[in-house]
Amino acid sequence: MDLLYMVALMVVAVRAGEEQYHKKFPLGHTLEPNNKYDLLDYELANTELLMSFVVFRHGDRTPDEEELKKFPTDQNYDKIFFPYGKKALTNKGKQRGYLVGEYLRERYDNLISKLYLPDEISVRTTDFSRTKMTALTALSAIYPPPPAQKWNPFLNWQPVPYDTPAYDDDDLLYYYNCPRYLELRQQVYNLPEVQKKLKPYEGLFKFLTIKTGTDISVPEDVFYLDNLFQTLANIGVRAPKWANDVMPQIKEMTKIEYALEYHTSEMIRLASGVLLADALNATNAAIEGKWDQPKLRLYSAHENNVAGFMAAMKVFKPHQPKYGSTISLELRKRLLTGQYGFTATYAADGGGPGVVLPIAGCGGQAFCDYDTFVTLTQDHVISRSDHKKLCSTPIS
């Protein structure tokens, strides 16, 4: 009898996995042997998704003051910025936020209800209008009101709340409000091996300094210029010819900047250690039976946060995450064995598709055993109180 029961249980689990797989890959879809991302997805067919922590970048925006200062001009942008204002979402940015929400609804449709149930989800934004507006547009796609929650017969929308910590207390804004992180990054710029890597770009720094009339001397300066040209393009302003001529080098420098932002364990810890700690505390509590907590936790933030969270979970390859890019850390359980573990899923474009990334140290597998993941990332975890204390501690 016990043997028959076990066989029946295995059949049910396999069929459940097959059903999940065919939702992802319809009949007629062929797995190419060299398509490692499809194969990683296939590995998850016999797992159950239990909880997810999702960080996404806001949508397309206008420039901010720091970027505009890198290339001063007499041009009056006020009319061009109208009606958005500075450092604000454009209409395309709002559309991209909606695409993020559609992607999240599709991916987590079996995790959260169609109804907005406040106990199932938590939403947090940084204290910027662009991240708040992106959250609002994403939530409108995640929770179009079903009949029970349709409060206006002419409006297919319902209000869904989010939380925004005070600017000075927000660990996601480490690159603004954590002096120690900024000191560490400056130290990294001065490392001999980094100086050697930057030496071929000395001509680029000088060229950009002459053309902009400002001091362009470290990778962050070039990154701000890159962002400036991207954001001006969002409102129809073309980059000058001299910028387009060196744009490949500018893009390479942006990639270098992202590599340097997470150069050490301490930098990763200051960037995303609190977020990772929150995820591990929540999932550990869930595994111990405490399921009365949100299944889906959303963080509407910035490209640095997407990259930083990827670095913390050991899946980051240096690049600038695009508008609307989304990284998820998913808690899963194997249906056959009951083993818990994590999966990292990255949607490089707003709206997906999402691909599963192998977590470094987990043998190239999609599913990383829970305890193994905890061990691999232990140097990246920090408590909120320790983060605040460390951020204000000067480097000796």
Protein backbone atom coordinates (compact mmCIF):
# COMPACT_ATOMS: atom_id res chain seq x y z
CA MET A 1 0.00 0.00 0.00
CA ASP A 2 2.81 2.37 0.89
CA LEU A 3 4.51 1.64 -2.43
CA LEU A 4 1.31 2.31 -4.37
CA TYR A 5 0.83 5.56 -2.48
CA MET A 6 4.36 6.70 -3.33
CA VAL A 7 3.92 5.85 -7.01
CA ALA A 8 0.61 7.74 -7.11
CA LEU A 9 2.25 10.75 -5.44
CA MET A 10 5.07 10.74 -7.99
CA VAL A 11 2.62 10.58 -10.88
CA VAL A 12 0.65 13.52 -9.50
CA ALA A 13 3.85 15.55 -9.02
CA VAL A 14 5.16 14.79 -12.49
CA ARG A 15 1.82 15.68 -14.09
CA ALA A 16 1.71 18.93 -12.13
CA GLY A 17 5.20 19.71 -13.35
CA GLU A 18 4.28 18.89 -16.93
CA GLU A 19 1.26 21.18 -16.68
CA GLN A 20 3.45 24.05 -15.44
CA TYR A 21 5.97 23.36 -18.19
CA HIS A 22 3.41 23.40 -21.00
CA LYS A 23 2.06 26.71 -19.74
CA LYS A 24 5.56 28.08 -20.24
CA PHE A 25 6.31 26.11 -23.44
CA PRO A 26 3.18 25.37 -25.53
CA LEU A 27 2.85 22.25 -27.68
CA GLY A 28 5.11 22.51 -30.68
CA HIS A 29 7.79 24.42 -28.75
CA THR A 30 11.14 22.68 -29.16
CA LEU A 31 13.96 22.97 -26.68
CA GLU A 32 17.22 23.58 -28.48
CA PRO A 33 20.06 21.70 -26.77
CA ASN A 34 22.18 24.86 -26.61
CA ASN A 35 19.42 27.05 -25.18
CA LYS A 36 20.57 26.99 -21.58
CA TYR A 37 17.87 29.39 -20.36
CA ASP A 38 15.02 27.23 -21.67
CA LEU A 39 16.70 24.21 -20.10
CA LEU A 40 16.93 26.03 -16.78
CA ASP A 41 13.21 26.81 -16.98
CA TYR A 42 12.52 23.15 -17.73
CA GLU A 43 14.31 22.19 -14.50
CA LEU A 44 11.64 24.11 -12.55
CA ALA A 45 8.72 22.12 -13.99
CA ASN A 46 8.50 19.97 -10.87
CA THR A 47 8.75 22.79 -8.35
CA GLU A 48 6.12 24.87 -6.59
CA LEU A 49 6.52 28.64 -6.40
CA LEU A 50 5.90 29.82 -2.84
CA MET A 51 7.17 33.40 -2.54
CA SER A 52 8.97 36.02 -4.60
CA PHE A 53 10.97 39.20 -3.98
CA VAL A 54 10.97 41.46 -7.05
CA VAL A 55 13.03 44.57 -7.75
CA PHE A 56 12.30 46.54 -10.91
CA ARG A 57 13.64 49.69 -12.46
CA HIS A 58 11.30 52.60 -13.14
CA GLY A 59 10.22 53.46 -16.67
CA ASP A 60 11.71 55.91 -19.18
CA ARG A 61 12.29 59.37 -17.68
CA THR A 62 13.54 62.89 -18.22
CA PRO A 63 17.02 64.00 -17.03
CA ASP A 64 17.84 65.02 -13.47
CA GLU A 65 20.04 67.85 -12.22
CA GLU A 66 23.18 65.75 -11.69
CA GLU A 67 23.09 64.60 -15.29
CA LEU A 68 22.37 68.06 -16.72
CA LYS A 69 25.34 69.49 -14.80
CA LYS A 70 27.68 67.15 -16.71
CA PHE A 71 26.90 68.97 -19.96
CA PRO A 72 25.86 72.57 -19.24
CA THR A 73 24.09 74.31 -22.12
CA ASP A 74 22.24 77.52 -22.82
CA GLN A 75 19.33 75.54 -24.19
CA ASN A 76 16.13 76.01 -22.18
CA TYR A 77 14.76 72.52 -21.63
CA ASP A 78 11.73 73.65 -19.64
CA LYS A 79 9.42 73.56 -22.65
CA ILE A 80 10.81 70.19 -23.71
CA PHE A 81 10.29 68.74 -20.23
CA PHE A 82 6.67 69.93 -20.19
CA PRO A 83 4.40 68.45 -18.94
CA TYR A 84 6.59 65.87 -17.17
CA GLY A 85 9.16 68.01 -15.36
CA LYS A 86 12.71 66.94 -14.51
CA LYS A 87 13.59 63.38 -13.40
CA ALA A 88 10.05 62.25 -14.13
CA LEU A 89 8.38 59.50 -16.13
CA THR A 90 7.47 60.19 -19.72
CA ASN A 91 4.32 58.69 -21.22
CA LYS A 92 6.47 55.91 -22.65
CA GLY A 93 7.83 55.35 -19.14
CA LYS A 94 4.29 54.94 -17.82
CA GLN A 95 3.56 52.45 -20.58
CA ARG A 96 6.68 50.52 -19.66
CA GLY A 97 5.60 50.40 -16.03
CA TYR A 98 2.31 48.90 -17.18
CA LEU A 99 4.23 46.26 -19.15
CA VAL A 100 6.14 45.40 -15.97
CA GLY A 101 2.81 44.85 -14.23
CA GLU A 102 1.53 42.64 -17.05
CA TYR A 103 4.69 40.55 -16.84
CA LEU A 104 4.36 40.20 -13.06
CA ARG A 105 0.67 39.27 -13.30
CA GLU A 106 1.46 36.57 -15.85
CA ARG A 107 4.42 35.18 -13.91
CA TYR A 108 2.73 35.23 -10.51
CA ASP A 109 -0.87 34.62 -11.51
CA ASN A 110 -0.90 31.35 -9.54
CA LEU A 111 0.85 32.92 -6.55
CA ILE A 112 -1.49 35.84 -5.86
CA SER A 113 -5.24 36.22 -6.24
CA LYS A 114 -7.00 38.12 -9.00
CA LEU A 115 -8.58 40.13 -6.18
CA TYR A 116 -6.35 42.64 -4.48
CA LEU A 117 -5.82 41.08 -1.05
CA PRO A 118 -3.52 43.26 1.06
CA ASP A 119 -2.13 40.32 3.05
CA GLU A 120 -0.75 38.70 -0.12
CA ILE A 121 1.45 41.52 -1.40
CA SER A 122 3.65 44.35 -0.16
CA VAL A 123 4.87 47.20 -2.34
CA ARG A 124 7.69 49.60 -1.58
CA THR A 125 9.13 52.48 -3.59
CA THR A 126 12.00 54.88 -3.18
CA ASP A 127 11.11 58.51 -2.54
CA PHE A 128 11.14 59.57 -6.19
CA SER A 129 8.14 60.43 -8.31
CA ARG A 130 9.36 58.16 -11.12
CA THR A 131 9.46 55.05 -8.92
CA LYS A 132 6.10 55.86 -7.33
CA MET A 133 4.46 56.38 -10.72
CA THR A 134 6.02 53.18 -12.06
CA ALA A 135 4.59 51.28 -9.09
CA LEU A 136 1.16 52.77 -9.76
CA THR A 137 1.19 51.84 -13.44
CA ALA A 138 2.50 48.34 -12.70
CA LEU A 139 -0.14 47.79 -10.02
CA SER A 140 -2.89 48.88 -12.40
CA ALA A 141 -1.87 46.00 -14.66
CA ILE A 142 -1.49 43.51 -11.81
CA TYR A 143 -4.88 44.30 -10.24
CA PRO A 144 -7.52 45.37 -12.77
CA PRO A 145 -10.61 45.27 -10.54
CA PRO A 146 -12.77 42.14 -10.76
CA PRO A 147 -16.53 42.70 -10.21
CA ALA A 148 -16.22 42.49 -6.42
CA GLN A 149 -13.75 45.40 -6.38
CA LYS A 150 -14.99 47.48 -9.31
CA TRP A 151 -15.87 50.72 -7.57
CA ASN A 152 -16.42 52.77 -10.76
CA PRO A 153 -18.26 51.13 -13.69
CA PHE A 154 -16.45 53.38 -16.18
CA LEU A 155 -12.91 52.91 -14.85
CA ASN A 156 -10.96 49.64 -15.08
CA TRP A 157 -8.65 50.62 -12.20
CA GLN A 158 -8.53 50.39 -8.43
CA PRO A 159 -6.21 52.05 -5.93
CA VAL A 160 -3.48 49.80 -4.51
CA PRO A 161 -1.25 51.27 -1.77
CA TYR A 162 2.52 51.26 -1.48
CA ASP A 163 5.02 52.28 1.21
CA THR A 164 7.86 54.77 0.83
CA PRO A 165 10.51 54.97 3.57
CA ALA A 166 12.00 58.33 4.49
CA TYR A 167 14.82 59.26 2.11
CA ASP A 168 17.52 59.21 4.80
CA ASP A 169 16.39 55.81 6.12
CA ASP A 170 16.05 54.04 2.76
CA ASP A 171 18.72 51.36 2.33
CA LEU A 172 17.89 51.19 -1.41
CA LEU A 173 19.34 54.70 -1.80
CA TYR A 174 22.82 53.70 -0.62
CA TYR A 175 24.50 55.58 -3.48
CA TYR A 176 23.02 58.83 -2.14
CA ASN A 177 22.72 58.42 1.63
CA CYS A 178 25.52 55.98 2.55
CA PRO A 179 28.82 57.91 2.78
CA ARG A 180 30.80 54.75 3.46
CA TYR A 181 29.66 53.18 0.20
CA LEU A 182 30.74 56.30 -1.72
CA GLU A 183 34.14 56.22 0.01
CA LEU A 184 34.58 52.55 -0.87
CA ARG A 185 33.79 53.20 -4.50
CA GLN A 186 36.33 56.01 -4.62
CA GLN A 187 38.91 53.63 -3.12
CA VAL A 188 38.11 51.10 -5.82
CA TYR A 189 38.75 53.71 -8.52
CA ASN A 190 42.25 54.14 -7.08
CA LEU A 191 43.18 50.44 -6.96
CA PRO A 192 46.21 49.66 -9.18
CA GLU A 193 44.34 46.97 -11.11
CA VAL A 194 41.43 49.35 -11.76
CA GLN A 195 43.74 52.19 -12.79
CA LYS A 196 45.34 49.77 -15.25
CA LYS A 197 41.91 48.94 -16.66
CA LEU A 198 41.02 52.63 -17.00
CA LYS A 199 44.32 53.71 -18.60
CA PRO A 200 43.19 52.99 -22.20
CA TYR A 201 40.30 55.41 -21.61
CA GLU A 202 42.42 58.42 -20.59
CA GLY A 203 41.85 59.92 -24.02
CA LEU A 204 38.09 59.49 -23.62
CA PHE A 205 38.12 61.29 -20.26
CA LYS A 206 40.07 64.21 -21.77
CA PHE A 207 37.87 64.35 -24.87
CA LEU A 208 34.65 64.40 -22.84
CA THR A 209 36.07 67.00 -20.45
CA ILE A 210 36.81 69.32 -23.39
CA LYS A 211 33.48 68.76 -25.12
CA THR A 212 31.31 69.15 -22.01
CA GLY A 213 33.32 71.83 -20.23
CA THR A 214 33.09 69.84 -16.99
CA ASP A 215 35.49 67.52 -15.17
CA ILE A 216 35.02 63.99 -16.53
CA SER A 217 37.65 61.97 -14.71
CA VAL A 218 36.07 58.81 -13.23
CA PRO A 219 33.71 56.15 -14.63
CA GLU A 220 30.74 57.59 -12.73
CA ASP A 221 31.09 60.87 -14.65
CA VAL A 222 30.82 59.02 -17.96
CA PHE A 223 27.90 57.00 -16.63
CA TYR A 224 26.04 60.24 -15.82
CA LEU A 225 26.72 61.50 -19.33
CA ASP A 226 25.45 58.22 -20.79
CA ASN A 227 22.27 58.56 -18.71
CA LEU A 228 21.90 62.19 -19.81
CA PHE A 229 21.93 61.29 -23.49
CA GLN A 230 19.50 58.43 -22.88
CA THR A 231 17.07 60.62 -20.98
CA LEU A 232 17.29 63.49 -23.47
CA ALA A 233 16.49 60.99 -26.22
CA ASN A 234 13.36 60.10 -24.23
CA ILE A 235 12.05 63.61 -24.93
CA GLY A 236 13.26 63.80 -28.52
CA VAL A 237 16.62 65.56 -28.04
CA ARG A 238 19.41 63.93 -30.02
CA ALA A 239 22.90 63.53 -28.63
CA PRO A 240 25.52 65.75 -30.32
CA LYS A 241 27.57 64.18 -33.09
CA TRP A 242 30.74 64.11 -31.00
CA ALA A 243 28.90 62.03 -28.38
CA ASN A 244 27.63 59.57 -30.97
CA ASP A 245 31.17 59.25 -32.35
CA VAL A 246 32.44 57.94 -28.99
CA MET A 247 29.22 56.29 -27.82
CA PRO A 248 30.67 52.73 -27.98
CA GLN A 249 33.42 53.82 -25.57
CA ILE A 250 30.87 55.59 -23.35
CA LYS A 251 28.84 52.37 -23.17
CA GLU A 252 31.95 50.38 -22.30
CA MET A 253 32.74 52.83 -19.51
CA THR A 254 29.18 52.48 -18.16
CA LYS A 255 29.71 48.71 -18.05
CA ILE A 256 32.99 49.22 -16.19
CA GLU A 257 31.24 51.54 -13.73
CA TYR A 258 28.68 48.82 -12.97
CA ALA A 259 31.44 46.27 -12.43
CA LEU A 260 33.15 48.61 -9.95
CA GLU A 261 29.95 49.43 -8.05
CA TYR A 262 29.89 45.86 -6.67
CA HIS A 263 33.62 45.21 -6.59
CA THR A 264 33.77 43.97 -2.98
CA SER A 265 31.54 42.04 -0.60
CA GLU A 266 31.17 45.10 1.60
CA MET A 267 29.94 47.19 -1.33
CA ILE A 268 27.39 44.51 -2.22
CA ARG A 269 26.38 44.30 1.43
CA LEU A 270 25.80 48.07 1.62
CA ALA A 271 23.95 48.03 -1.71
CA SER A 272 21.57 45.11 -1.14
CA GLY A 273 22.39 43.41 2.14
CA VAL A 274 19.28 44.63 3.97
CA LEU A 275 17.00 43.54 1.13
CA LEU A 276 18.64 40.12 1.01
CA ALA A 277 18.37 39.80 4.80
CA ASP A 278 14.66 40.63 4.64
CA ALA A 279 14.18 37.95 1.97
CA LEU A 280 16.04 35.31 3.97
CA ASN A 281 14.25 36.17 7.20
CA ALA A 282 10.85 35.99 5.49
CA THR A 283 11.56 32.72 3.66
CA ASN A 284 13.07 31.10 6.74
CA ALA A 285 9.96 32.01 8.72
CA ALA A 286 7.79 30.57 5.95
CA ILE A 287 9.70 27.30 5.90
CA GLU A 288 9.15 27.07 9.65
CA GLY A 289 5.42 27.35 9.02
CA LYS A 290 4.77 31.09 9.31
CA TRP A 291 2.88 31.69 6.07
CA ASP A 292 0.79 34.62 7.31
CA GLN A 293 2.96 37.10 5.40
CA PRO A 294 3.04 38.53 1.86
CA LYS A 295 3.80 36.02 -0.90
CA LEU A 296 4.86 38.72 -3.33
CA ARG A 297 7.05 41.68 -2.36
CA LEU A 298 7.65 44.37 -4.93
CA TYR A 299 10.31 47.09 -4.87
CA SER A 300 9.94 49.89 -7.41
CA ALA A 301 13.42 51.37 -7.54
CA HIS A 302 16.39 52.12 -9.80
CA GLU A 303 18.83 50.34 -12.09
CA ASN A 304 21.44 50.31 -9.30
CA ASN A 305 18.99 48.35 -7.16
CA VAL A 306 18.32 45.80 -9.89
CA ALA A 307 22.06 45.35 -10.43
CA GLY A 308 22.82 45.36 -6.69
CA PHE A 309 20.22 42.67 -5.92
CA MET A 310 21.59 40.56 -8.77
CA ALA A 311 25.08 40.94 -7.30
CA ALA A 312 23.83 39.96 -3.84
CA MET A 313 22.22 36.77 -5.19
CA LYS A 314 25.34 36.03 -7.29
CA VAL A 315 23.89 36.30 -10.80
CA PHE A 316 25.20 39.71 -11.91
CA LYS A 317 27.23 40.30 -15.05
CA PRO A 318 28.24 43.97 -15.42
CA HIS A 319 25.72 45.97 -17.44
CA GLN A 320 23.25 48.79 -16.95
CA PRO A 321 19.75 47.35 -16.40
CA LYS A 322 17.23 48.87 -18.83
CA TYR A 323 14.08 50.79 -18.00
CA GLY A 324 11.54 48.38 -16.53
CA SER A 325 14.06 45.56 -16.05
CA THR A 326 13.00 43.14 -13.32
CA ILE A 327 14.93 40.73 -11.09
CA SER A 328 13.12 38.17 -8.92
CA LEU A 329 14.39 35.96 -6.12
CA GLU A 330 11.86 33.13 -5.91
CA LEU A 331 11.41 30.63 -3.10
CA ARG A 332 10.43 27.22 -4.51
CA LYS A 333 9.88 23.68 -3.27
CA ARG A 334 10.53 20.47 -5.16
CA LEU A 335 7.25 18.56 -5.49
CA LEU A 336 8.85 15.11 -5.19
CA THR A 337 11.26 15.68 -2.31
CA GLY A 338 9.93 18.74 -0.45
CA GLN A 339 13.36 20.37 -0.77
CA TYR A 340 13.34 24.18 -0.57
CA GLY A 341 15.49 26.41 -2.73
CA PHE A 342 15.82 29.64 -4.66
CA THR A 343 15.57 30.61 -8.31
CA ALA A 344 16.74 33.89 -9.87
CA THR A 345 14.65 35.17 -12.78
CA TYR A 346 15.62 38.22 -14.84
CA ALA A 347 13.49 40.13 -17.31
CA ALA A 348 16.04 42.38 -19.02
CA ASP A 349 13.29 44.25 -20.89
CA GLY A 350 10.25 45.85 -19.31
CA GLY A 351 7.46 43.33 -19.77
CA GLY A 352 9.72 40.32 -20.13
CA PRO A 353 10.29 37.64 -21.09
CA GLY A 354 11.89 36.47 -17.88
CA VAL A 355 14.78 34.02 -18.01
CA VAL A 356 16.15 31.90 -15.20
CA LEU A 357 19.77 32.68 -14.34
CA PRO A 358 22.08 30.12 -12.71
CA ILE A 359 23.23 31.23 -9.26
CA ALA A 360 27.04 31.12 -9.02
CA GLY A 361 28.12 28.24 -6.80
CA CYS A 362 25.02 26.11 -7.46
CA GLY A 363 26.48 24.00 -10.24
CA GLY A 364 24.80 25.85 -13.08
CA GLN A 365 21.39 24.64 -11.95
CA ALA A 366 18.17 26.65 -11.97
CA PHE A 367 17.21 25.51 -8.47
CA CYS A 368 19.69 26.43 -5.74
CA ASP A 369 19.25 24.52 -2.48
CA TYR A 370 18.12 26.82 0.34
CA ASP A 371 20.99 26.15 2.75
CA THR A 372 23.53 26.30 -0.08
CA PHE A 373 22.21 29.72 -1.12
CA VAL A 374 22.36 30.99 2.47
CA THR A 375 25.99 29.86 2.73
CA LEU A 376 26.94 31.35 -0.64
CA THR A 377 25.46 34.77 0.16
CA GLN A 378 26.23 35.05 3.89
CA ASP A 379 28.86 37.75 3.30
CA HIS A 380 26.24 39.93 1.57
CA VAL A 381 23.68 40.01 4.39
CA ILE A 382 23.35 42.85 6.89
CA SER A 383 20.68 43.96 9.33
CA ARG A 384 18.93 47.30 8.90
CA SER A 385 20.41 48.67 12.15
CA ASP A 386 23.95 47.54 11.23
CA HIS A 387 23.54 49.01 7.76
CA LYS A 388 22.65 52.41 9.17
CA LYS A 389 25.54 52.27 11.61
CA LEU A 390 28.07 51.11 9.01
CA CYS A 391 26.99 53.68 6.42
CA SER A 392 27.87 56.50 8.79
CA THR A 393 31.21 54.95 9.85
CA PRO A 394 34.16 56.56 8.02
CA ILE A 395 36.77 54.28 6.47
CA SER A 396 39.80 54.25 8.75
